Amino acid sequence: MASVNRFFNANEVDPISILEHFDTAEQIVGVIILTIFTGVIARKIIR
């Protein structure tokens, strides 16, 4: 839940902490995987 809070409240993030950089990386990877998954499902539905 903390990563969701940091995603929507970017002004409260302390950029020095290494754990918050991992949260940002996790969010980026999550968006990329979700995009790929959505594309694969859409292609299977369209065919």
Protein backbone atom coordinates (compact mmCIF):
# COMPACT_ATOMS: atom_id res chain seq x y z
CA MET A 1 0.00 0.00 0.00
CA ALA A 2 2.93 2.31 0.63
CA SER A 3 4.00 2.09 -3.02
CA VAL A 4 0.50 3.17 -4.11
CA ASN A 5 0.70 6.11 -1.72
CA ARG A 6 4.11 7.10 -3.08
CA PHE A 7 2.84 6.79 -6.66
CA PHE A 8 0.03 9.28 -6.11
CA ASN A 9 1.88 11.56 -3.65
CA ALA A 10 5.15 12.18 -5.46
CA ASN A 11 5.90 15.33 -3.48
CA GLU A 12 6.25 13.32 -0.23
CA VAL A 13 8.99 11.03 -1.57
CA ASP A 14 12.50 11.45 -0.18
CA PRO A 15 14.77 10.91 -3.23
CA ILE A 16 17.77 9.85 -1.13
CA SER A 17 16.29 6.59 0.19
CA ILE A 18 17.22 3.56 -1.92
CA LEU A 19 13.96 1.75 -1.10
CA GLU A 20 11.90 4.41 -2.82
CA HIS A 21 13.98 3.96 -5.97
CA PHE A 22 13.06 0.28 -5.88
CA ASP A 23 9.40 1.27 -5.57
CA THR A 24 9.73 3.47 -8.65
CA ALA A 25 11.42 0.65 -10.58
CA GLU A 26 8.67 -1.74 -9.46
CA GLN A 27 6.01 0.63 -10.75
CA ILE A 28 7.73 1.08 -14.11
CA VAL A 29 8.17 -2.67 -14.58
CA GLY A 30 4.55 -3.21 -13.54
CA VAL A 31 3.27 -0.75 -16.14
CA ILE A 32 5.41 -2.36 -18.86
CA ILE A 33 4.22 -5.88 -17.99
CA LEU A 34 0.60 -4.71 -17.83
CA THR A 35 0.98 -3.09 -21.26
CA ILE A 36 2.43 -6.25 -22.77
CA PHE A 37 -0.25 -8.42 -21.15
CA THR A 38 -3.03 -6.13 -22.39
CA GLY A 39 -1.57 -6.18 -25.91
CA VAL A 40 -1.39 -9.97 -25.96
CA ILE A 41 -4.99 -10.31 -24.75
CA ALA A 42 -6.22 -7.72 -27.27
CA ARG A 43 -4.48 -9.52 -30.13
CA LYS A 44 -6.04 -12.84 -29.13
CA ILE A 45 -9.50 -11.25 -28.97
CA ILE A 46 -9.11 -9.51 -32.34
CA ARG A 47 -8.05 -12.69 -34.16
